[in-house]
Amino acid sequence: MPDTASPIRVLLVDDHQVVRRGLRTFLEVQDDIEVVGEAADGAEGVAKAQELLPDVVLMDLKMPGMDGIEALKHLKEQGSRARILIVTSFTEHRTMVPALRAGAAGYVYKDVDPEALAGAIRSVHAGHVLLQPELAEALLADDAPRAPQGRGGTLTEREREVLGHIADGRSNREIARSLHLSEKTVKTHVSNILMKLDLSDRTQAALWAVRNGEA
C-alpha cells in the first residue's frame, strides 16, 4: 500500500507545454503531491518513468510520435508499477476503452476541477479504479472485453464478493476491512479472479464486472 508519509510522486506527460504548466500549478499547492518530472510525448514519458519511478503518471492520449496508449503498453511491458491516470480533452468512448484495456487506472478530462484532479490522483494511487459514468454505459453497450458464456460461474461466492468491491473502486485494504479478511487473503482472491477470467489487471476486472452484471 502507498506510504502516506511520503508525497505522491507524479510525472506529467502531455505534448502541450501550457497544459503541463497548468497541471503543475494545480498540483504544486498540494502538500501530499510532488511533480517529479515532465515529458512532451509518449516515448519521453516512458523513459522518464523508468528514470524517475513516479507513483502516478498523468498521461495525455493524443501526442505526436508515440501516443498515450502505446506509452501505456510500453510501461506495462516494462513492469512499471506507476498508476496511469489519463488526462485528455477527448470524450469518445472508442478512445477511452483502449486506454483502459492498455492498463490505465482512471480517466479525467482536462477541464477537471483542480481539487477533483488531486482527488483522482490520490484515489488511483490508493489502488482505486476511476470509471466515468458515461464510460461504464459505453462498455455495457459497445465492444468491451466479454468473457465467454459461463466463465463467471467458475468464481466462488467469496471471489464474486471481492470482484464486486473491485468494480466499486475499492482498494485491497478497504476490501479486507469490509469482508473481515486479511489483505493477503484479498490479494489471493484478486489473483484467482484474474486467472479464472483470463484478465491482466484489476482495471480489466472492474470492466468485466460492469459488462457482466457483477457490479
C-alpha atoms as a PDB file:
ATOM      1  CA  MET A   1       0.000   0.000   0.000  1.00  0.00           C
ATOM      2  CA  PRO A   2       1.143   3.587  -0.553  1.00  0.00           C
ATOM      3  CA  ASP A   3       3.283   5.221   2.135  1.00  0.00           C
ATOM      4  CA  THR A   4       1.059   8.081   3.305  1.00  0.00           C
ATOM      5  CA  ALA A   5       4.061   9.783   4.958  1.00  0.00           C
ATOM      6  CA  SER A   6       5.641  10.449   1.563  1.00  0.00           C
ATOM      7  CA  PRO A   7       4.307  12.748  -1.186  1.00  0.00           C
ATOM      8  CA  ILE A   8       2.751  11.068  -4.197  1.00  0.00           C
ATOM      9  CA  ARG A   9       5.333  11.338  -6.976  1.00  0.00           C
ATOM     10  CA  VAL A  10       3.676  12.471 -10.218  1.00  0.00           C
ATOM     11  CA  LEU A  11       5.004  12.556 -13.794  1.00  0.00           C
ATOM     12  CA  LEU A  12       3.239  14.798 -16.350  1.00  0.00           C
ATOM     13  CA  VAL A  13       3.115  13.539 -19.961  1.00  0.00           C
ATOM     14  CA  ASP A  14       1.484  15.929 -22.457  1.00  0.00           C
ATOM     15  CA  ASP A  15       2.682  17.470 -25.715  1.00  0.00           C
ATOM     16  CA  HIS A  16       1.370  20.940 -24.818  1.00  0.00           C
ATOM     17  CA  GLN A  17       3.642  22.913 -22.524  1.00  0.00           C
ATOM     18  CA  VAL A  18       0.800  25.165 -21.405  1.00  0.00           C
ATOM     19  CA  VAL A  19      -1.166  22.107 -20.230  1.00  0.00           C
ATOM     20  CA  ARG A  20       1.819  20.738 -18.317  1.00  0.00           C
ATOM     21  CA  ARG A  21       2.379  24.150 -16.751  1.00  0.00           C
ATOM     22  CA  GLY A  22      -1.274  24.339 -15.720  1.00  0.00           C
ATOM     23  CA  LEU A  23      -1.235  20.867 -14.222  1.00  0.00           C
ATOM     24  CA  ARG A  24       1.976  21.628 -12.340  1.00  0.00           C
ATOM     25  CA  THR A  25       0.473  24.857 -10.990  1.00  0.00           C
ATOM     26  CA  PHE A  26      -2.603  22.965  -9.757  1.00  0.00           C
ATOM     27  CA  LEU A  27      -0.596  20.234  -8.096  1.00  0.00           C
ATOM     28  CA  GLU A  28       2.302  22.109  -6.531  1.00  0.00           C
ATOM     29  CA  VAL A  29      -0.011  23.639  -3.913  1.00  0.00           C
ATOM     30  CA  GLN A  30      -0.959  20.143  -2.696  1.00  0.00           C
ATOM     31  CA  ASP A  31       1.080  19.127   0.359  1.00  0.00           C
ATOM     32  CA  ASP A  32       0.889  15.414  -0.436  1.00  0.00           C
ATOM     33  CA  ILE A  33       1.664  15.569  -4.180  1.00  0.00           C
ATOM     34  CA  GLU A  34       5.064  16.217  -5.777  1.00  0.00           C
ATOM     35  CA  VAL A  35       5.556  16.753  -9.526  1.00  0.00           C
ATOM     36  CA  VAL A  36       8.854  14.980 -10.216  1.00  0.00           C
ATOM     37  CA  GLY A  37       9.091  15.485 -13.967  1.00  0.00           C
ATOM     38  CA  GLU A  38       7.507  16.288 -17.321  1.00  0.00           C
ATOM     39  CA  ALA A  39       7.552  14.710 -20.782  1.00  0.00           C
ATOM     40  CA  ALA A  40       6.342  16.057 -24.132  1.00  0.00           C
ATOM     41  CA  ASP A  41       5.435  12.733 -25.796  1.00  0.00           C
ATOM     42  CA  GLY A  42       4.909   9.074 -25.070  1.00  0.00           C
ATOM     43  CA  ALA A  43       8.470   7.942 -25.745  1.00  0.00           C
ATOM     44  CA  GLU A  44       9.912  10.578 -23.428  1.00  0.00           C
ATOM     45  CA  GLY A  45       7.247   9.683 -20.878  1.00  0.00           C
ATOM     46  CA  VAL A  46       8.279   6.028 -20.881  1.00  0.00           C
ATOM     47  CA  ALA A  47      11.942   6.995 -20.481  1.00  0.00           C
ATOM     48  CA  LYS A  48      11.189   9.462 -17.674  1.00  0.00           C
ATOM     49  CA  ALA A  49       9.030   6.878 -15.896  1.00  0.00           C
ATOM     50  CA  GLN A  50      11.963   4.447 -15.904  1.00  0.00           C
ATOM     51  CA  GLU A  51      14.299   7.148 -14.617  1.00  0.00           C
ATOM     52  CA  LEU A  52      12.101   8.860 -12.020  1.00  0.00           C
ATOM     53  CA  LEU A  53       9.908   5.946 -10.831  1.00  0.00           C
ATOM     54  CA  PRO A  54       6.763   8.039 -10.264  1.00  0.00           C
ATOM     55  CA  ASP A  55       3.805   6.726  -8.297  1.00  0.00           C
ATOM     56  CA  VAL A  56       1.278   8.205 -10.733  1.00  0.00           C
ATOM     57  CA  VAL A  57       1.613   9.276 -14.371  1.00  0.00           C
ATOM     58  CA  LEU A  58      -0.805  11.854 -15.794  1.00  0.00           C
ATOM     59  CA  MET A  59      -0.935  10.798 -19.438  1.00  0.00           C
ATOM     60  CA  ASP A  60      -2.406  12.561 -22.462  1.00  0.00           C
ATOM     61  CA  LEU A  61      -3.713  10.235 -25.180  1.00  0.00           C
ATOM     62  CA  LYS A  62      -3.108  12.157 -28.407  1.00  0.00           C
ATOM     63  CA  MET A  63       0.562  13.049 -28.798  1.00  0.00           C
ATOM     64  CA  PRO A  64       2.977  13.086 -31.759  1.00  0.00           C
ATOM     65  CA  GLY A  65       5.166  10.036 -32.244  1.00  0.00           C
ATOM     66  CA  MET A  66       4.288   7.531 -29.526  1.00  0.00           C
ATOM     67  CA  ASP A  67       0.771   8.288 -28.285  1.00  0.00           C
ATOM     68  CA  GLY A  68      -0.594   7.666 -24.814  1.00  0.00           C
ATOM     69  CA  ILE A  69      -1.952   4.187 -25.492  1.00  0.00           C
ATOM     70  CA  GLU A  70       1.362   2.971 -26.924  1.00  0.00           C
ATOM     71  CA  ALA A  71       3.175   4.518 -23.962  1.00  0.00           C
ATOM     72  CA  LEU A  72       0.798   2.680 -21.618  1.00  0.00           C
ATOM     73  CA  LYS A  73       1.588  -0.606 -23.335  1.00  0.00           C
ATOM     74  CA  HIS A  74       5.336   0.013 -23.083  1.00  0.00           C
ATOM     75  CA  LEU A  75       5.113   0.850 -19.394  1.00  0.00           C
ATOM     76  CA  LYS A  76       3.106  -2.291 -18.745  1.00  0.00           C
ATOM     77  CA  GLU A  77       5.570  -4.445 -20.670  1.00  0.00           C
ATOM     78  CA  GLN A  78       8.430  -2.952 -18.664  1.00  0.00           C
ATOM     79  CA  GLY A  79       6.731  -3.820 -15.401  1.00  0.00           C
ATOM     80  CA  SER A  80       6.202  -0.221 -14.294  1.00  0.00           C
ATOM     81  CA  ARG A  81       4.341  -0.004 -11.005  1.00  0.00           C
ATOM     82  CA  ALA A  82       3.143   3.539 -11.688  1.00  0.00           C
ATOM     83  CA  ARG A  83      -0.598   4.062 -11.805  1.00  0.00           C
ATOM     84  CA  ILE A  84      -1.650   5.759 -15.041  1.00  0.00           C
ATOM     85  CA  LEU A  85      -4.333   8.452 -14.947  1.00  0.00           C
ATOM     86  CA  ILE A  86      -5.460   9.611 -18.380  1.00  0.00           C
ATOM     87  CA  VAL A  87      -5.999  13.379 -18.644  1.00  0.00           C
ATOM     88  CA  THR A  88      -7.434  14.329 -22.016  1.00  0.00           C
ATOM     89  CA  SER A  89      -9.894  16.507 -23.888  1.00  0.00           C
ATOM     90  CA  PHE A  90     -11.222  13.579 -25.943  1.00  0.00           C
ATOM     91  CA  THR A  91     -14.561  12.219 -24.761  1.00  0.00           C
ATOM     92  CA  GLU A  92     -15.318   9.481 -27.306  1.00  0.00           C
ATOM     93  CA  HIS A  93     -15.668   6.121 -25.581  1.00  0.00           C
ATOM     94  CA  ARG A  94     -13.875   4.450 -28.509  1.00  0.00           C
ATOM     95  CA  THR A  95     -10.800   6.318 -27.310  1.00  0.00           C
ATOM     96  CA  MET A  96     -11.378   5.607 -23.633  1.00  0.00           C
ATOM     97  CA  VAL A  97     -11.865   1.845 -23.841  1.00  0.00           C
ATOM     98  CA  PRO A  98      -8.483   1.053 -25.477  1.00  0.00           C
ATOM     99  CA  ALA A  99      -6.755   3.189 -22.847  1.00  0.00           C
ATOM    100  CA  LEU A 100      -8.340   1.186 -20.039  1.00  0.00           C
ATOM    101  CA  ARG A 101      -7.549  -2.058 -21.820  1.00  0.00           C
ATOM    102  CA  ALA A 102      -3.929  -0.903 -22.090  1.00  0.00           C
ATOM    103  CA  GLY A 103      -3.706  -0.526 -18.334  1.00  0.00           C
ATOM    104  CA  ALA A 104      -4.964   2.943 -17.364  1.00  0.00           C
ATOM    105  CA  ALA A 105      -6.311   3.111 -13.824  1.00  0.00           C
ATOM    106  CA  GLY A 106      -8.545   6.085 -14.414  1.00  0.00           C
ATOM    107  CA  TYR A 107      -9.723   8.794 -16.767  1.00  0.00           C
ATOM    108  CA  VAL A 108     -10.429  12.503 -16.253  1.00  0.00           C
ATOM    109  CA  TYR A 109     -10.910  15.431 -18.616  1.00  0.00           C
ATOM    110  CA  LYS A 110      -8.592  18.424 -18.946  1.00  0.00           C
ATOM    111  CA  ASP A 111     -11.288  20.786 -17.667  1.00  0.00           C
ATOM    112  CA  VAL A 112     -11.496  18.846 -14.405  1.00  0.00           C
ATOM    113  CA  ASP A 113     -11.677  20.938 -11.237  1.00  0.00           C
ATOM    114  CA  PRO A 114      -8.190  21.192  -9.646  1.00  0.00           C
ATOM    115  CA  GLU A 115      -9.348  19.680  -6.356  1.00  0.00           C
ATOM    116  CA  ALA A 116     -11.060  16.859  -8.232  1.00  0.00           C
ATOM    117  CA  LEU A 117      -7.845  16.167 -10.147  1.00  0.00           C
ATOM    118  CA  ALA A 118      -5.848  15.997  -6.918  1.00  0.00           C
ATOM    119  CA  GLY A 119      -8.504  13.666  -5.515  1.00  0.00           C
ATOM    120  CA  ALA A 120      -8.293  11.453  -8.605  1.00  0.00           C
ATOM    121  CA  ILE A 121      -4.511  11.194  -8.215  1.00  0.00           C
ATOM    122  CA  ARG A 122      -4.888  10.185  -4.570  1.00  0.00           C
ATOM    123  CA  SER A 123      -7.585   7.680  -5.488  1.00  0.00           C
ATOM    124  CA  VAL A 124      -5.652   5.819  -8.193  1.00  0.00           C
ATOM    125  CA  HIS A 125      -2.525   5.912  -6.014  1.00  0.00           C
ATOM    126  CA  ALA A 126      -4.535   4.143  -3.306  1.00  0.00           C
ATOM    127  CA  GLY A 127      -5.383   1.370  -5.758  1.00  0.00           C
ATOM    128  CA  HIS A 128      -8.815   2.513  -6.881  1.00  0.00           C
ATOM    129  CA  VAL A 129     -10.153   2.358 -10.439  1.00  0.00           C
ATOM    130  CA  LEU A 130     -11.873   5.501 -11.723  1.00  0.00           C
ATOM    131  CA  LEU A 131     -14.638   4.935 -14.263  1.00  0.00           C
ATOM    132  CA  GLN A 132     -16.678   7.857 -15.586  1.00  0.00           C
ATOM    133  CA  PRO A 133     -20.427   7.035 -15.656  1.00  0.00           C
ATOM    134  CA  GLU A 134     -20.645   7.528 -19.425  1.00  0.00           C
ATOM    135  CA  LEU A 135     -17.748   5.119 -19.906  1.00  0.00           C
ATOM    136  CA  ALA A 136     -19.476   2.420 -17.912  1.00  0.00           C
ATOM    137  CA  GLU A 137     -22.544   2.880 -20.110  1.00  0.00           C
ATOM    138  CA  ALA A 138     -20.386   2.655 -23.231  1.00  0.00           C
ATOM    139  CA  LEU A 139     -18.775  -0.546 -22.000  1.00  0.00           C
ATOM    140  CA  LEU A 140     -22.177  -2.082 -21.469  1.00  0.00           C
ATOM    141  CA  ALA A 141     -23.264  -1.207 -24.999  1.00  0.00           C
ATOM    142  CA  ASP A 142     -20.066  -1.405 -27.011  1.00  0.00           C
ATOM    143  CA  ASP A 143     -17.145  -3.688 -27.668  1.00  0.00           C
ATOM    144  CA  ALA A 144     -15.509  -4.013 -24.267  1.00  0.00           C
ATOM    145  CA  PRO A 145     -13.962  -7.417 -23.490  1.00  0.00           C
ATOM    146  CA  ARG A 146     -16.653 -10.006 -22.871  1.00  0.00           C
ATOM    147  CA  ALA A 147     -15.926 -13.280 -21.171  1.00  0.00           C
ATOM    148  CA  PRO A 148     -17.120 -16.478 -22.849  1.00  0.00           C
ATOM    149  CA  GLN A 149     -20.526 -17.634 -21.667  1.00  0.00           C
ATOM    150  CA  GLY A 150     -20.381 -19.187 -18.239  1.00  0.00           C
ATOM    151  CA  ARG A 151     -16.819 -18.205 -17.342  1.00  0.00           C
ATOM    152  CA  GLY A 152     -18.051 -16.155 -14.393  1.00  0.00           C
ATOM    153  CA  GLY A 153     -19.561 -19.337 -12.997  1.00  0.00           C
ATOM    154  CA  THR A 154     -16.073 -20.553 -12.125  1.00  0.00           C
ATOM    155  CA  LEU A 155     -15.789 -17.879  -9.429  1.00  0.00           C
ATOM    156  CA  THR A 156     -16.543 -18.778  -5.830  1.00  0.00           C
ATOM    157  CA  GLU A 157     -19.074 -16.759  -3.863  1.00  0.00           C
ATOM    158  CA  ARG A 158     -16.265 -15.011  -1.984  1.00  0.00           C
ATOM    159  CA  GLU A 159     -14.485 -14.180  -5.247  1.00  0.00           C
ATOM    160  CA  ARG A 160     -17.707 -12.666  -6.562  1.00  0.00           C
ATOM    161  CA  GLU A 161     -17.895 -10.503  -3.449  1.00  0.00           C
ATOM    162  CA  VAL A 162     -14.309  -9.342  -3.964  1.00  0.00           C
ATOM    163  CA  LEU A 163     -14.993  -8.686  -7.651  1.00  0.00           C
ATOM    164  CA  GLY A 164     -17.965  -6.521  -6.742  1.00  0.00           C
ATOM    165  CA  HIS A 165     -15.787  -4.440  -4.445  1.00  0.00           C
ATOM    166  CA  ILE A 166     -13.142  -4.094  -7.180  1.00  0.00           C
ATOM    167  CA  ALA A 167     -15.845  -2.776  -9.522  1.00  0.00           C
ATOM    168  CA  ASP A 168     -16.775  -0.235  -6.824  1.00  0.00           C
ATOM    169  CA  GLY A 169     -13.197   1.052  -6.983  1.00  0.00           C
ATOM    170  CA  ARG A 170     -12.111  -0.189  -3.570  1.00  0.00           C
ATOM    171  CA  SER A 171      -8.503  -0.950  -2.705  1.00  0.00           C
ATOM    172  CA  ASN A 172      -7.365  -4.282  -1.257  1.00  0.00           C
ATOM    173  CA  ARG A 173      -7.178  -2.731   2.208  1.00  0.00           C
ATOM    174  CA  GLU A 174     -10.748  -1.459   2.003  1.00  0.00           C
ATOM    175  CA  ILE A 175     -11.994  -4.816   0.721  1.00  0.00           C
ATOM    176  CA  ALA A 176     -10.204  -6.596   3.562  1.00  0.00           C
ATOM    177  CA  ARG A 177     -11.848  -4.360   6.135  1.00  0.00           C
ATOM    178  CA  SER A 178     -15.287  -4.708   4.570  1.00  0.00           C
ATOM    179  CA  LEU A 179     -15.143  -8.510   4.343  1.00  0.00           C
ATOM    180  CA  HIS A 180     -13.198  -9.023   7.587  1.00  0.00           C
ATOM    181  CA  LEU A 181     -10.294 -10.679   5.783  1.00  0.00           C
ATOM    182  CA  SER A 182      -6.550 -10.134   5.780  1.00  0.00           C
ATOM    183  CA  GLU A 183      -5.036  -8.100   2.951  1.00  0.00           C
ATOM    184  CA  LYS A 184      -3.013 -11.165   1.968  1.00  0.00           C
ATOM    185  CA  THR A 185      -6.211 -13.197   1.569  1.00  0.00           C
ATOM    186  CA  VAL A 186      -7.786 -10.455  -0.545  1.00  0.00           C
ATOM    187  CA  LYS A 187      -4.697 -10.355  -2.779  1.00  0.00           C
ATOM    188  CA  THR A 188      -5.019 -14.111  -3.248  1.00  0.00           C
ATOM    189  CA  HIS A 189      -8.682 -13.762  -4.222  1.00  0.00           C
ATOM    190  CA  VAL A 190      -7.823 -10.971  -6.686  1.00  0.00           C
ATOM    191  CA  SER A 191      -5.110 -13.146  -8.269  1.00  0.00           C
ATOM    192  CA  ASN A 192      -7.558 -16.052  -8.582  1.00  0.00           C
ATOM    193  CA  ILE A 193     -10.191 -13.805 -10.171  1.00  0.00           C
ATOM    194  CA  LEU A 194      -7.727 -12.516 -12.761  1.00  0.00           C
ATOM    195  CA  MET A 195      -6.545 -16.044 -13.531  1.00  0.00           C
ATOM    196  CA  LYS A 196     -10.041 -17.523 -13.840  1.00  0.00           C
ATOM    197  CA  LEU A 197     -11.340 -14.693 -16.018  1.00  0.00           C
ATOM    198  CA  ASP A 198      -8.123 -14.504 -18.065  1.00  0.00           C
ATOM    199  CA  LEU A 199      -7.644 -10.828 -17.257  1.00  0.00           C
ATOM    200  CA  SER A 200      -4.378  -8.965 -16.726  1.00  0.00           C
ATOM    201  CA  ASP A 201      -5.227  -6.428 -14.013  1.00  0.00           C
ATOM    202  CA  ARG A 202      -7.920  -5.139 -11.661  1.00  0.00           C
ATOM    203  CA  THR A 203      -8.969  -2.425 -14.140  1.00  0.00           C
ATOM    204  CA  GLN A 204      -9.996  -5.130 -16.601  1.00  0.00           C
ATOM    205  CA  ALA A 205     -11.674  -6.984 -13.735  1.00  0.00           C
ATOM    206  CA  ALA A 206     -13.757  -3.891 -12.946  1.00  0.00           C
ATOM    207  CA  LEU A 207     -14.738  -3.562 -16.617  1.00  0.00           C
ATOM    208  CA  TRP A 208     -15.613  -7.257 -16.773  1.00  0.00           C
ATOM    209  CA  ALA A 209     -17.807  -6.920 -13.705  1.00  0.00           C
ATOM    210  CA  VAL A 210     -19.687  -3.957 -15.186  1.00  0.00           C
ATOM    211  CA  ARG A 211     -20.110  -5.711 -18.518  1.00  0.00           C
ATOM    212  CA  ASN A 212     -21.332  -8.963 -16.998  1.00  0.00           C
ATOM    213  CA  GLY A 213     -23.652  -7.602 -14.321  1.00  0.00           C
ATOM    214  CA  GLU A 214     -21.419  -8.397 -11.347  1.00  0.00           C
ATOM    215  CA  ALA A 215     -21.057  -4.755 -10.261  1.00  0.00           C
END
